[in-house]
Amino acid sequence: MTEFCSYFENGLWHILSLFECKHILFLIVLTVPYVFKEWNKLLLLVSVFTLGNLIAFLLTVFGVVIIKGQLISLLVLLLILLIALFNLFSGKSSNSIFEA
């Protein structure tokens, strides 16, 4: 259990680090278009995102996929930009999260 707590703490600090803010930024651009009444869609979206991360980590840990960290960082940043542009030009991003 001590090892789990150690990995959990390291993962939490990795996500919340100012130098790794792309994780939070990615979730923000992914969730901005949804209004509060669409909480079930938002929960599904964040759950699928988390499951995708878990699968990617497992594939990497077991050596099924080997990709350089710099390439992953670049792809994540490009994905954030593409999602933000899509939200901006699709018109859905004008909704407020607090709309009823």
C-alpha atoms as a PDB file:
ATOM      1  CA  MET A   1       0.000   0.000   0.000  1.00  0.00           C
ATOM      2  CA  THR A   2       2.947   2.306   0.650  1.00  0.00           C
ATOM      3  CA  GLU A   3       4.084   1.920  -2.953  1.00  0.00           C
ATOM      4  CA  PHE A   4       0.583   2.784  -4.231  1.00  0.00           C
ATOM      5  CA  CYS A   5       0.483   5.913  -2.060  1.00  0.00           C
ATOM      6  CA  SER A   6       3.892   6.938  -3.354  1.00  0.00           C
ATOM      7  CA  TYR A   7       2.829   6.556  -6.999  1.00  0.00           C
ATOM      8  CA  PHE A   8      -0.468   8.322  -6.313  1.00  0.00           C
ATOM      9  CA  GLU A   9       1.313  11.256  -4.681  1.00  0.00           C
ATOM     10  CA  ASN A  10       3.853  11.484  -7.528  1.00  0.00           C
ATOM     11  CA  GLY A  11       1.056  11.387 -10.114  1.00  0.00           C
ATOM     12  CA  LEU A  12      -0.946  14.032  -8.299  1.00  0.00           C
ATOM     13  CA  TRP A  13       2.016  16.412  -8.063  1.00  0.00           C
ATOM     14  CA  HIS A  14       2.836  15.721 -11.713  1.00  0.00           C
ATOM     15  CA  ILE A  15      -0.654  16.758 -12.803  1.00  0.00           C
ATOM     16  CA  LEU A  16      -0.810  19.804 -10.530  1.00  0.00           C
ATOM     17  CA  SER A  17       2.712  21.038 -11.342  1.00  0.00           C
ATOM     18  CA  LEU A  18       2.924  24.445 -13.010  1.00  0.00           C
ATOM     19  CA  PHE A  19       5.443  22.988 -15.459  1.00  0.00           C
ATOM     20  CA  GLU A  20       2.960  20.270 -16.471  1.00  0.00           C
ATOM     21  CA  CYS A  21      -0.130  22.487 -16.678  1.00  0.00           C
ATOM     22  CA  LYS A  22      -0.969  20.978 -20.071  1.00  0.00           C
ATOM     23  CA  HIS A  23      -2.986  18.263 -18.306  1.00  0.00           C
ATOM     24  CA  ILE A  24      -5.301  20.798 -16.691  1.00  0.00           C
ATOM     25  CA  LEU A  25      -5.339  22.937 -19.854  1.00  0.00           C
ATOM     26  CA  PHE A  26      -6.370  19.898 -21.903  1.00  0.00           C
ATOM     27  CA  LEU A  27      -9.267  19.131 -19.566  1.00  0.00           C
ATOM     28  CA  ILE A  28     -10.331  22.796 -19.616  1.00  0.00           C
ATOM     29  CA  VAL A  29     -10.481  23.063 -23.413  1.00  0.00           C
ATOM     30  CA  LEU A  30     -12.219  19.698 -23.540  1.00  0.00           C
ATOM     31  CA  THR A  31     -14.930  20.675 -21.060  1.00  0.00           C
ATOM     32  CA  VAL A  32     -15.504  24.405 -21.757  1.00  0.00           C
ATOM     33  CA  PRO A  33     -18.299  23.906 -24.315  1.00  0.00           C
ATOM     34  CA  TYR A  34     -20.536  22.030 -21.884  1.00  0.00           C
ATOM     35  CA  VAL A  35     -23.183  23.708 -19.774  1.00  0.00           C
ATOM     36  CA  PHE A  36     -23.850  22.623 -16.198  1.00  0.00           C
ATOM     37  CA  LYS A  37     -27.025  20.759 -17.146  1.00  0.00           C
ATOM     38  CA  GLU A  38     -24.911  18.494 -19.382  1.00  0.00           C
ATOM     39  CA  TRP A  39     -22.995  17.147 -16.367  1.00  0.00           C
ATOM     40  CA  ASN A  40     -23.562  13.541 -17.468  1.00  0.00           C
ATOM     41  CA  LYS A  41     -21.858  14.168 -20.843  1.00  0.00           C
ATOM     42  CA  LEU A  42     -19.040  15.951 -19.061  1.00  0.00           C
ATOM     43  CA  LEU A  43     -18.592  13.092 -16.598  1.00  0.00           C
ATOM     44  CA  LEU A  44     -18.480  10.601 -19.480  1.00  0.00           C
ATOM     45  CA  LEU A  45     -15.932  12.751 -21.334  1.00  0.00           C
ATOM     46  CA  VAL A  46     -13.612  13.034 -18.326  1.00  0.00           C
ATOM     47  CA  SER A  47     -14.015   9.301 -17.610  1.00  0.00           C
ATOM     48  CA  VAL A  48     -13.088   8.349 -21.176  1.00  0.00           C
ATOM     49  CA  PHE A  49     -10.106  10.739 -20.992  1.00  0.00           C
ATOM     50  CA  THR A  50      -8.962   9.070 -17.753  1.00  0.00           C
ATOM     51  CA  LEU A  51      -9.439   5.576 -19.193  1.00  0.00           C
ATOM     52  CA  GLY A  52      -7.446   6.554 -22.284  1.00  0.00           C
ATOM     53  CA  ASN A  53      -4.609   7.807 -20.098  1.00  0.00           C
ATOM     54  CA  LEU A  54      -4.664   4.582 -18.081  1.00  0.00           C
ATOM     55  CA  ILE A  55      -4.477   2.437 -21.218  1.00  0.00           C
ATOM     56  CA  ALA A  56      -1.631   4.555 -22.614  1.00  0.00           C
ATOM     57  CA  PHE A  57       0.313   4.260 -19.353  1.00  0.00           C
ATOM     58  CA  LEU A  58      -0.203   0.488 -19.186  1.00  0.00           C
ATOM     59  CA  LEU A  59       0.918   0.029 -22.797  1.00  0.00           C
ATOM     60  CA  THR A  60       4.033   2.057 -22.026  1.00  0.00           C
ATOM     61  CA  VAL A  61       4.805   0.301 -18.732  1.00  0.00           C
ATOM     62  CA  PHE A  62       4.584  -3.130 -20.336  1.00  0.00           C
ATOM     63  CA  GLY A  63       6.685  -2.042 -23.331  1.00  0.00           C
ATOM     64  CA  VAL A  64       3.958  -2.546 -25.926  1.00  0.00           C
ATOM     65  CA  VAL A  65       4.361   1.046 -27.124  1.00  0.00           C
ATOM     66  CA  ILE A  66       7.582   3.048 -26.859  1.00  0.00           C
ATOM     67  CA  ILE A  67       7.332   6.746 -27.701  1.00  0.00           C
ATOM     68  CA  LYS A  68       9.640   9.576 -26.665  1.00  0.00           C
ATOM     69  CA  GLY A  69       8.271  11.937 -24.027  1.00  0.00           C
ATOM     70  CA  GLN A  70       9.017  15.028 -26.115  1.00  0.00           C
ATOM     71  CA  LEU A  71       6.852  13.699 -28.948  1.00  0.00           C
ATOM     72  CA  ILE A  72       3.971  13.036 -26.547  1.00  0.00           C
ATOM     73  CA  SER A  73       4.253  16.559 -25.111  1.00  0.00           C
ATOM     74  CA  LEU A  74       4.185  18.037 -28.610  1.00  0.00           C
ATOM     75  CA  LEU A  75       1.175  15.935 -29.622  1.00  0.00           C
ATOM     76  CA  VAL A  76      -0.726  16.895 -26.443  1.00  0.00           C
ATOM     77  CA  LEU A  77      -0.067  20.590 -27.057  1.00  0.00           C
ATOM     78  CA  LEU A  78      -1.178  20.276 -30.696  1.00  0.00           C
ATOM     79  CA  LEU A  79      -4.318  18.446 -29.558  1.00  0.00           C
ATOM     80  CA  ILE A  80      -5.083  21.222 -27.056  1.00  0.00           C
ATOM     81  CA  LEU A  81      -4.721  23.805 -29.831  1.00  0.00           C
ATOM     82  CA  LEU A  82      -6.941  21.837 -32.234  1.00  0.00           C
ATOM     83  CA  ILE A  83      -9.679  21.311 -29.628  1.00  0.00           C
ATOM     84  CA  ALA A  84      -9.570  24.981 -28.619  1.00  0.00           C
ATOM     85  CA  LEU A  85      -9.851  26.074 -32.258  1.00  0.00           C
ATOM     86  CA  PHE A  86     -12.701  23.627 -32.854  1.00  0.00           C
ATOM     87  CA  ASN A  87     -14.554  24.943 -29.798  1.00  0.00           C
ATOM     88  CA  LEU A  88     -13.951  28.519 -30.903  1.00  0.00           C
ATOM     89  CA  PHE A  89     -15.216  28.057 -34.453  1.00  0.00           C
ATOM     90  CA  SER A  90     -17.988  25.519 -33.809  1.00  0.00           C
ATOM     91  CA  GLY A  91     -20.067  28.070 -31.916  1.00  0.00           C
ATOM     92  CA  LYS A  92     -20.730  25.692 -29.025  1.00  0.00           C
ATOM     93  CA  SER A  93     -18.116  27.429 -26.849  1.00  0.00           C
ATOM     94  CA  SER A  94     -20.422  30.423 -26.311  1.00  0.00           C
ATOM     95  CA  ASN A  95     -22.349  28.459 -23.661  1.00  0.00           C
ATOM     96  CA  SER A  96     -21.620  29.192 -20.049  1.00  0.00           C
ATOM     97  CA  ILE A  97     -21.024  26.353 -17.631  1.00  0.00           C
ATOM     98  CA  PHE A  98     -23.502  27.983 -15.215  1.00  0.00           C
ATOM     99  CA  GLU A  99     -26.459  28.121 -17.627  1.00  0.00           C
ATOM    100  CA  ALA A 100     -29.497  26.310 -16.400  1.00  0.00           C
END
